[in-house]
N, C-alpha and C. Protein backbone atom coordinates (compact mmCIF):
# COMPACT_ATOMS: atom_id res chain seq x y z
N MET A 1 0.83 -1.20 0.00
CA MET A 1 0.00 0.00 0.00
C MET A 1 0.87 1.26 0.00
N LYS A 2 1.93 1.23 0.80
CA LYS A 2 2.82 2.39 0.88
C LYS A 2 3.52 2.62 -0.46
N ALA A 3 3.90 1.55 -1.13
CA ALA A 3 4.55 1.68 -2.44
C ALA A 3 3.60 2.31 -3.45
N GLY A 4 2.34 1.96 -3.37
CA GLY A 4 1.35 2.54 -4.28
C GLY A 4 1.20 4.04 -4.07
N VAL A 5 1.25 4.47 -2.83
CA VAL A 5 1.16 5.90 -2.51
C VAL A 5 2.37 6.62 -3.08
N GLU A 6 3.54 6.03 -2.92
CA GLU A 6 4.76 6.66 -3.43
C GLU A 6 4.73 6.76 -4.96
N VAL A 7 4.29 5.70 -5.61
CA VAL A 7 4.20 5.72 -7.07
C VAL A 7 3.19 6.78 -7.51
N SER A 8 2.07 6.84 -6.84
CA SER A 8 1.04 7.82 -7.18
C SER A 8 1.56 9.25 -7.00
N ASN A 9 2.25 9.51 -5.92
CA ASN A 9 2.81 10.84 -5.68
C ASN A 9 3.85 11.20 -6.73
N GLN A 10 4.68 10.24 -7.09
CA GLN A 10 5.69 10.49 -8.12
C GLN A 10 5.03 10.75 -9.47
N LEU A 11 3.99 9.99 -9.77
CA LEU A 11 3.26 10.17 -11.02
C LEU A 11 2.64 11.57 -11.08
N LEU A 12 2.05 12.01 -9.99
CA LEU A 12 1.45 13.34 -9.96
C LEU A 12 2.50 14.44 -10.13
N ALA A 13 3.65 14.26 -9.52
CA ALA A 13 4.73 15.24 -9.67
C ALA A 13 5.19 15.31 -11.12
N ASN A 14 5.36 14.15 -11.74
CA ASN A 14 5.78 14.11 -13.15
C ASN A 14 4.71 14.70 -14.06
N LEU A 15 3.47 14.44 -13.76
CA LEU A 15 2.37 14.99 -14.54
C LEU A 15 2.35 16.52 -14.43
N GLY A 16 2.63 17.02 -13.24
CA GLY A 16 2.71 18.47 -13.05
C GLY A 16 3.81 19.09 -13.89
N LYS A 17 4.95 18.42 -13.96
CA LYS A 17 6.06 18.91 -14.80
C LYS A 17 5.68 18.90 -16.27
N LEU A 18 4.98 17.86 -16.69
CA LEU A 18 4.53 17.76 -18.08
C LEU A 18 3.57 18.90 -18.42
N VAL A 19 2.61 19.15 -17.54
CA VAL A 19 1.64 20.22 -17.77
C VAL A 19 2.34 21.56 -17.86
N LYS A 20 3.30 21.79 -16.98
CA LYS A 20 4.04 23.05 -17.00
C LYS A 20 4.81 23.20 -18.31
N GLY A 21 5.42 22.13 -18.78
CA GLY A 21 6.17 22.17 -20.04
C GLY A 21 5.26 22.44 -21.23
N VAL A 22 4.11 21.80 -21.25
CA VAL A 22 3.16 22.02 -22.34
C VAL A 22 2.66 23.46 -22.32
N GLN A 23 2.38 23.98 -21.13
CA GLN A 23 1.91 25.36 -21.02
C GLN A 23 2.98 26.34 -21.49
N THR A 24 4.23 26.08 -21.15
CA THR A 24 5.33 26.94 -21.59
C THR A 24 5.42 26.97 -23.10
N GLN A 25 5.30 25.80 -23.73
CA GLN A 25 5.35 25.75 -25.19
C GLN A 25 4.14 26.43 -25.80
N ALA A 26 2.98 26.24 -25.22
CA ALA A 26 1.76 26.85 -25.74
C ALA A 26 1.83 28.37 -25.66
N ASP A 27 2.47 28.89 -24.63
CA ASP A 27 2.61 30.34 -24.47
C ASP A 27 3.48 30.95 -25.56
N LYS A 28 4.32 30.17 -26.19
CA LYS A 28 5.20 30.68 -27.23
C LYS A 28 4.46 30.95 -28.53
N PHE A 29 3.37 30.27 -28.79
CA PHE A 29 2.69 30.39 -30.08
C PHE A 29 2.15 31.79 -30.35
N PRO A 30 1.46 32.44 -29.42
CA PRO A 30 0.99 33.80 -29.72
C PRO A 30 2.15 34.77 -30.00
N LYS A 31 3.23 34.63 -29.26
CA LYS A 31 4.40 35.49 -29.47
C LYS A 31 5.00 35.22 -30.85
N LEU A 32 5.12 33.97 -31.21
CA LEU A 32 5.67 33.60 -32.51
C LEU A 32 4.77 34.11 -33.64
N ALA A 33 3.48 33.97 -33.47
CA ALA A 33 2.54 34.45 -34.50
C ALA A 33 2.65 35.96 -34.66
N GLN A 34 2.83 36.67 -33.56
CA GLN A 34 2.96 38.13 -33.63
C GLN A 34 4.23 38.52 -34.37
N VAL A 35 5.33 37.85 -34.08
CA VAL A 35 6.60 38.13 -34.77
C VAL A 35 6.46 37.85 -36.26
N MET A 36 5.83 36.74 -36.61
CA MET A 36 5.66 36.39 -38.02
C MET A 36 4.77 37.42 -38.73
N ALA A 37 3.72 37.88 -38.07
CA ALA A 37 2.83 38.87 -38.68
C ALA A 37 3.57 40.19 -38.92
N GLN A 38 4.39 40.60 -37.97
CA GLN A 38 5.16 41.83 -38.14
C GLN A 38 6.15 41.68 -39.29
N ARG A 39 6.79 40.54 -39.37
CA ARG A 39 7.75 40.30 -40.45
C ARG A 39 7.04 40.31 -41.81
N ASP A 40 5.87 39.70 -41.86
CA ASP A 40 5.11 39.66 -43.11
C ASP A 40 4.69 41.06 -43.55
N GLN A 41 4.36 41.92 -42.61
CA GLN A 41 3.95 43.28 -42.94
C GLN A 41 5.12 44.09 -43.49
N GLN A 42 6.32 43.76 -43.09
CA GLN A 42 7.50 44.51 -43.52
C GLN A 42 8.01 44.04 -44.88
N GLN A 43 7.64 42.87 -45.30
CA GLN A 43 8.13 42.33 -46.57
C GLN A 43 7.31 42.87 -47.72
N THR A 44 8.00 43.13 -48.84
CA THR A 44 7.29 43.48 -50.07
C THR A 44 7.48 42.32 -51.04
N PHE A 45 6.43 42.01 -51.75
CA PHE A 45 6.47 40.87 -52.64
C PHE A 45 6.61 41.35 -54.08
N ASN A 46 7.52 40.74 -54.80
CA ASN A 46 7.73 41.05 -56.20
C ASN A 46 7.13 39.92 -57.02
N ALA A 47 6.10 40.25 -57.80
CA ALA A 47 5.40 39.22 -58.58
C ALA A 47 6.00 39.05 -59.97
N GLY A 48 7.22 39.51 -60.16
CA GLY A 48 7.87 39.34 -61.45
C GLY A 48 7.64 40.50 -62.40
N GLY A 49 6.98 41.54 -61.93
CA GLY A 49 6.74 42.72 -62.77
C GLY A 49 7.97 43.60 -62.83
N LYS A 50 7.88 44.67 -63.60
CA LYS A 50 9.03 45.59 -63.74
C LYS A 50 9.11 46.57 -62.62
């Protein structure tokens, strides 16, 4: 029974680390999208015209 409690506690700790890591990565997407949008606005496209 004691071993089960220890395994459960360790599993919860690892799950917490996983959730934190996923949240950290998810937080990067809005920032990345903003940087890409700014870069796209600054670029001019040449369609092969003169």
